Amino acid sequence: MQLYVLYGALAAVGLLALFLGIRLFLIKSDLRHMRMELEKTREESYNRNLRVTISDREVEKLAAEINQNLDHQKELKRETERSRRQLEQSISDIAHDLRTPLTVVKGNLQMLESEPLSEQGREYLKVSSKKAETLKRMVDEFFELSVLESDSKPVELRSLDVIEFLSEFIIENETLIRQHALTPEIKFPEKSVTALANRECLTRVFSNLMGNVFKYAKEGFELQVSQEGEHCKIRMGNRVEDSAAIDVEHIFDRTYRADKARSDGSAGLGLYIARLLLTKQKGSISAVLEDGKLYFDIELQVEKPMV
């Protein structure tokens, strides 16, 4: 009799252990599933609440709490996106509203140049014209940025002979290069390099980079092109006066300036806009300091030959 009781107790313990083991397995399976769902939510903007498959009060409470936090984060993200769009629209509206009176001011200042003025009046006119032009360039940069950031449509990419494009760009800027007493050092491969790009966007990119050269280059600048695998690589650089003052990790940030005290008629958006335009072309740009020189490295996709 006692043996039957012992066997019964052992069977009960075994069944209990089996039940607990199965329950533990199901709980771990639910937790693993919840972890995978959270990973998808973080990495892929997965828009679905967590679900549990077993009836366990604590696991259900945990899932409910996580879902509440996910809903809160989604709402914060939506609110942030709404605020971002409103800010971009406000910047665009302000820049647009400023353009008209600025045009009028510049026109009136130009008309004053033909009027009889005293020497002091001429000096005031010169300063006012310079500041008006400075303000116009800043407004144009903000307006361009607001348009680029609000335009989510992909740009049209076409086959572009990079060597031909850059050669034409240098020729078009030859007068300004001479005015700044700069000597270009150009290294192009003998064989043409064809990339997928948007000519208008790429022109704006190099205009911004050339503007940076005009402001900070000493004596000359370098321009190199090469092809490595499926990428066209363009390097543009120049010697800078104080390389220690340049933060290459943040050089493409909005309103970044190496010399914050310098007033050069720019909002500091040129390099940020250049990166934005290259991203729209499925390209990239990075900066590096080497031996007192600041280089910008651009990568574009090479057009694959027809098979």
Protein backbone atom coordinates (compact mmCIF):
# COMPACT_ATOMS: atom_id res chain seq x y z
CA MET A 1 0.00 0.00 0.00
CA GLN A 2 2.76 2.38 0.93
CA LEU A 3 4.50 1.50 -2.36
CA TYR A 4 1.38 2.49 -4.32
CA VAL A 5 1.24 5.78 -2.45
CA LEU A 6 4.91 6.40 -3.24
CA TYR A 7 4.38 5.61 -6.92
CA GLY A 8 1.34 7.88 -6.97
CA ALA A 9 3.29 10.70 -5.37
CA LEU A 10 6.15 10.27 -7.83
CA ALA A 11 3.70 10.25 -10.75
CA ALA A 12 2.06 13.41 -9.44
CA VAL A 13 5.44 15.09 -9.04
CA GLY A 14 6.38 13.97 -12.55
CA LEU A 15 3.16 15.31 -14.03
CA LEU A 16 3.64 18.57 -12.13
CA ALA A 17 7.23 18.84 -13.37
CA LEU A 18 6.05 18.10 -16.91
CA PHE A 19 3.30 20.73 -16.63
CA LEU A 20 5.74 23.30 -15.25
CA GLY A 21 8.29 22.43 -17.90
CA ILE A 22 5.73 22.87 -20.69
CA ARG A 23 4.52 26.13 -19.15
CA LEU A 24 8.08 27.40 -18.81
CA PHE A 25 8.77 26.46 -22.43
CA LEU A 26 5.64 28.33 -23.58
CA ILE A 27 6.57 31.41 -21.50
CA LYS A 28 10.09 31.41 -22.92
CA SER A 29 8.63 30.97 -26.41
CA ASP A 30 6.35 33.98 -25.85
CA LEU A 31 9.22 36.07 -24.52
CA ARG A 32 11.35 35.09 -27.51
CA HIS A 33 8.50 36.04 -29.85
CA MET A 34 8.09 39.38 -28.06
CA ARG A 35 11.81 40.07 -28.38
CA MET A 36 11.70 39.35 -32.13
CA GLU A 37 8.68 41.62 -32.55
CA LEU A 38 10.50 44.41 -30.69
CA GLU A 39 13.53 43.98 -32.94
CA LYS A 40 11.30 44.31 -36.01
CA THR A 41 9.68 47.41 -34.52
CA ARG A 42 13.10 49.02 -33.99
CA GLU A 43 14.76 48.01 -37.25
CA GLU A 44 11.86 47.97 -39.75
CA SER A 45 9.30 50.38 -38.24
CA TYR A 46 7.12 47.30 -37.72
CA ASN A 47 3.65 48.65 -36.93
CA ARG A 48 2.00 45.91 -34.88
CA ASN A 49 1.35 45.34 -31.18
CA LEU A 50 2.80 42.40 -29.27
CA ARG A 51 0.67 39.32 -28.72
CA VAL A 52 0.97 36.40 -26.30
CA THR A 53 -0.20 32.83 -26.89
CA ILE A 54 -0.49 31.54 -23.32
CA SER A 55 -2.70 32.59 -20.47
CA ASP A 56 -0.24 33.98 -17.95
CA ARG A 57 -1.25 37.11 -16.07
CA GLU A 58 2.29 38.48 -15.61
CA VAL A 59 3.29 37.89 -19.23
CA GLU A 60 0.03 39.49 -20.38
CA LYS A 61 0.67 42.50 -18.13
CA LEU A 62 4.21 42.79 -19.51
CA ALA A 63 2.95 42.64 -23.11
CA ALA A 64 0.23 45.23 -22.35
CA GLU A 65 2.77 47.60 -20.77
CA ILE A 66 5.15 47.21 -23.73
CA ASN A 67 2.27 47.86 -26.15
CA GLN A 68 1.35 51.04 -24.28
CA ASN A 69 4.93 52.24 -24.52
CA LEU A 70 5.05 51.38 -28.24
CA ASP A 71 1.83 53.31 -28.85
CA HIS A 72 3.29 56.26 -26.95
CA GLN A 73 6.50 56.14 -28.99
CA LYS A 74 4.50 55.96 -32.24
CA GLU A 75 2.51 59.02 -31.22
CA LEU A 76 5.70 60.88 -30.29
CA LYS A 77 7.17 59.94 -33.68
CA ARG A 78 4.06 61.18 -35.49
CA GLU A 79 4.12 64.41 -33.49
CA THR A 80 7.82 64.89 -34.22
CA GLU A 81 7.19 64.35 -37.93
CA ARG A 82 4.31 66.85 -37.88
CA SER A 83 6.49 69.39 -36.08
CA ARG A 84 9.31 68.82 -38.57
CA ARG A 85 7.00 69.38 -41.52
CA GLN A 86 5.55 72.50 -39.92
CA LEU A 87 9.04 73.86 -39.25
CA GLU A 88 10.12 73.18 -42.84
CA GLN A 89 6.97 74.87 -44.13
CA SER A 90 7.53 77.85 -41.82
CA ILE A 91 11.13 78.22 -43.01
CA SER A 92 9.99 78.00 -46.62
CA ASP A 93 7.24 80.57 -46.06
CA ILE A 94 9.54 82.98 -44.22
CA ALA A 95 12.26 82.65 -46.87
CA HIS A 96 9.69 83.18 -49.63
CA ASP A 97 8.19 86.21 -47.88
CA LEU A 98 11.64 87.76 -47.40
CA ARG A 99 12.66 87.33 -51.02
CA THR A 100 10.24 89.96 -52.40
CA PRO A 101 11.18 92.86 -50.08
CA LEU A 102 14.85 91.95 -50.45
CA THR A 103 14.55 92.17 -54.22
CA VAL A 104 12.95 95.60 -53.86
CA VAL A 105 15.67 96.76 -51.44
CA LYS A 106 18.43 95.56 -53.76
CA GLY A 107 16.77 97.25 -56.72
CA ASN A 108 16.47 100.56 -54.87
CA LEU A 109 20.09 100.37 -53.74
CA GLN A 110 21.20 99.77 -57.34
CA MET A 111 19.18 102.81 -58.45
CA LEU A 112 20.89 104.91 -55.79
CA GLU A 113 24.26 104.13 -57.37
CA SER A 114 23.38 106.47 -60.24
CA GLU A 115 22.30 109.27 -57.91
CA PRO A 116 24.61 112.08 -56.73
CA LEU A 117 25.79 111.15 -53.23
CA SER A 118 28.43 112.41 -50.86
CA GLU A 119 31.53 110.33 -50.19
CA GLN A 120 30.05 109.22 -46.88
CA GLY A 121 26.76 108.43 -48.58
CA ARG A 122 28.62 106.27 -51.12
CA GLU A 123 30.24 104.39 -48.26
CA TYR A 124 26.87 103.80 -46.59
CA LEU A 125 25.46 102.61 -49.92
CA LYS A 126 28.34 100.20 -50.43
CA VAL A 127 27.91 98.68 -46.96
CA SER A 128 24.11 98.45 -47.36
CA SER A 129 24.41 96.75 -50.76
CA LYS A 130 26.89 94.23 -49.38
CA LYS A 131 24.67 93.39 -46.41
CA ALA A 132 21.60 93.10 -48.64
CA GLU A 133 23.46 90.63 -50.88
CA THR A 134 24.60 88.71 -47.81
CA LEU A 135 21.04 88.45 -46.52
CA LYS A 136 19.77 87.36 -49.94
CA ARG A 137 22.29 84.51 -50.12
CA MET A 138 21.29 83.31 -46.65
CA VAL A 139 17.58 83.45 -47.50
CA ASP A 140 18.23 81.56 -50.76
CA GLU A 141 20.07 78.81 -48.86
CA PHE A 142 17.23 78.38 -46.36
CA PHE A 143 14.66 78.37 -49.15
CA GLU A 144 16.62 75.77 -51.14
CA LEU A 145 17.03 73.59 -48.04
CA SER A 146 13.31 73.71 -47.22
CA VAL A 147 12.45 72.70 -50.79
CA LEU A 148 14.97 69.83 -50.84
CA GLU A 149 13.93 68.40 -47.46
CA SER A 150 10.22 68.58 -48.22
CA ASP A 151 10.60 66.96 -51.66
CA SER A 152 10.50 63.20 -51.12
CA LYS A 153 10.34 62.33 -54.83
CA PRO A 154 13.46 60.55 -56.15
CA VAL A 155 15.58 62.54 -58.58
CA GLU A 156 15.99 61.29 -62.13
CA LEU A 157 19.37 59.61 -62.62
CA ARG A 158 20.96 59.43 -66.06
CA SER A 159 24.21 58.31 -67.55
CA LEU A 160 26.80 61.06 -67.04
CA ASP A 161 30.39 61.27 -68.28
CA VAL A 162 32.03 62.47 -65.07
CA ILE A 163 35.29 63.57 -66.73
CA GLU A 164 33.43 65.66 -69.29
CA PHE A 165 31.12 67.11 -66.64
CA LEU A 166 33.96 68.19 -64.33
CA SER A 167 36.04 69.56 -67.21
CA GLU A 168 33.12 71.77 -68.24
CA PHE A 169 32.57 72.82 -64.62
CA ILE A 170 36.21 73.92 -64.22
CA ILE A 171 36.10 75.88 -67.50
CA GLU A 172 32.87 77.63 -66.44
CA ASN A 173 34.50 78.66 -63.14
CA GLU A 174 37.87 79.58 -64.63
CA THR A 175 37.33 83.33 -64.16
CA LEU A 176 36.53 82.95 -60.45
CA ILE A 177 39.45 80.55 -59.98
CA ARG A 178 41.80 83.16 -61.47
CA GLN A 179 40.28 85.93 -59.39
CA HIS A 180 41.06 83.96 -56.24
CA ALA A 181 44.60 83.27 -57.50
CA LEU A 182 44.14 79.51 -57.23
CA THR A 183 46.02 76.88 -59.19
CA PRO A 184 44.01 73.68 -59.79
CA GLU A 185 45.81 70.33 -59.72
CA ILE A 186 43.63 68.00 -61.79
CA LYS A 187 44.14 64.25 -62.15
CA PHE A 188 41.70 62.54 -64.49
CA PRO A 189 42.03 58.98 -65.83
CA GLU A 190 42.57 58.57 -69.56
CA LYS A 191 39.51 56.37 -69.81
CA SER A 192 36.12 58.02 -69.33
CA VAL A 193 34.10 57.24 -66.21
CA THR A 194 30.33 57.05 -66.60
CA ALA A 195 28.18 57.35 -63.49
CA LEU A 196 24.47 57.45 -62.73
CA ALA A 197 23.75 60.98 -61.57
CA ASN A 198 21.56 64.04 -61.96
CA ARG A 199 23.47 66.81 -63.77
CA GLU A 200 21.57 69.67 -62.11
CA CYS A 201 21.99 68.25 -58.60
CA LEU A 202 25.65 67.41 -59.18
CA THR A 203 26.31 70.93 -60.49
CA ARG A 204 24.88 72.33 -57.26
CA VAL A 205 27.05 69.96 -55.22
CA PHE A 206 30.26 71.10 -56.88
CA SER A 207 29.19 74.73 -56.77
CA ASN A 208 28.91 74.41 -53.00
CA LEU A 209 32.26 72.63 -52.75
CA MET A 210 33.90 75.24 -54.98
CA GLY A 211 32.43 77.96 -52.79
CA ASN A 212 34.14 76.28 -49.86
CA VAL A 213 37.40 76.26 -51.83
CA PHE A 214 37.10 79.97 -52.62
CA LYS A 215 36.60 80.79 -48.94
CA TYR A 216 39.29 78.61 -47.36
CA ALA A 217 41.81 77.40 -49.98
CA LYS A 218 45.41 78.52 -49.90
CA GLU A 219 47.20 78.76 -53.27
CA GLY A 220 45.29 75.97 -55.03
CA PHE A 221 43.04 72.93 -54.88
CA GLU A 222 43.06 69.31 -56.05
CA LEU A 223 40.50 67.42 -58.10
CA GLN A 224 40.86 63.70 -58.78
CA VAL A 225 38.65 61.07 -60.37
CA SER A 226 38.97 57.29 -60.27
CA GLN A 227 36.82 54.22 -60.70
CA GLU A 228 36.88 51.41 -58.18
CA GLY A 229 34.57 48.52 -58.93
CA GLU A 230 30.99 49.77 -59.16
CA HIS A 231 31.81 53.21 -57.76
CA CYS A 232 33.07 56.43 -59.27
CA LYS A 233 35.24 58.23 -56.70
CA ILE A 234 35.84 61.97 -56.84
CA ARG A 235 38.23 63.69 -54.43
CA MET A 236 38.31 67.45 -54.07
CA GLY A 237 40.53 69.14 -51.52
CA ASN A 238 42.71 72.06 -50.56
CA ARG A 239 45.15 73.19 -47.91
CA VAL A 240 43.51 75.00 -44.99
CA GLU A 241 44.96 77.59 -42.69
CA ASP A 242 43.91 76.01 -39.39
CA SER A 243 43.06 72.32 -39.75
CA ALA A 244 42.68 71.95 -35.97
CA ALA A 245 39.61 74.21 -36.12
CA ILE A 246 37.78 71.85 -38.50
CA ASP A 247 35.55 69.15 -37.05
CA VAL A 248 35.21 66.65 -39.91
CA GLU A 249 32.71 64.55 -37.93
CA HIS A 250 30.23 67.44 -37.92
CA ILE A 251 31.25 69.33 -41.04
CA PHE A 252 28.07 68.24 -42.87
CA ASP A 253 25.77 69.29 -40.03
CA ARG A 254 23.31 72.13 -40.54
CA THR A 255 24.81 75.58 -40.01
CA TYR A 256 28.30 74.16 -39.35
CA ARG A 257 31.09 76.73 -39.64
CA ALA A 258 34.77 76.19 -39.05
CA ASP A 259 35.07 79.85 -38.07
CA LYS A 260 31.90 80.79 -36.21
CA ALA A 261 33.00 84.41 -35.85
CA ARG A 262 33.41 84.84 -39.60
CA SER A 263 30.62 86.54 -41.53
CA ASP A 264 30.87 85.43 -45.15
CA GLY A 265 27.31 85.84 -46.30
CA SER A 266 26.41 82.20 -45.82
CA ALA A 267 24.03 80.39 -43.50
CA GLY A 268 26.50 77.51 -43.28
CA LEU A 269 24.21 75.15 -45.18
CA GLY A 270 26.33 74.54 -48.28
CA LEU A 271 27.94 71.24 -47.25
CA TYR A 272 24.73 69.97 -45.66
CA ILE A 273 22.88 70.65 -48.92
CA ALA A 274 25.68 68.93 -50.88
CA ARG A 275 25.29 65.75 -48.80
CA LEU A 276 21.51 65.90 -49.13
CA LEU A 277 21.75 66.20 -52.92
CA LEU A 278 24.21 63.30 -53.16
CA THR A 279 21.99 61.11 -50.98
CA LYS A 280 19.13 61.79 -53.41
CA GLN A 281 21.43 60.46 -56.16
CA LYS A 282 22.23 57.30 -54.16
CA GLY A 283 25.71 58.65 -53.62
CA SER A 284 27.71 59.73 -50.60
CA ILE A 285 30.23 62.31 -49.42
CA SER A 286 32.72 62.25 -46.56
CA ALA A 287 35.47 64.54 -45.31
CA VAL A 288 38.99 63.80 -44.11
CA LEU A 289 41.98 65.85 -42.98
CA GLU A 290 45.38 64.76 -44.31
CA ASP A 291 48.63 66.70 -43.84
CA GLY A 292 46.91 70.04 -43.35
CA LYS A 293 44.56 69.51 -46.28
CA LEU A 294 40.80 69.09 -46.19
CA TYR A 295 39.51 66.53 -48.69
CA PHE A 296 35.94 65.78 -49.71
CA ASP A 297 35.45 62.25 -51.05
CA ILE A 298 32.40 61.65 -53.23
CA GLU A 299 31.10 58.29 -54.39
CA LEU A 300 28.61 57.76 -57.21
CA GLN A 301 27.28 54.57 -58.70
CA VAL A 302 28.92 53.56 -61.95
CA GLU A 303 26.59 52.71 -64.80
CA LYS A 304 26.75 48.98 -65.42
CA PRO A 305 27.51 47.98 -69.02
CA MET A 306 24.77 46.35 -71.04
CA VAL A 307 25.14 42.57 -71.20
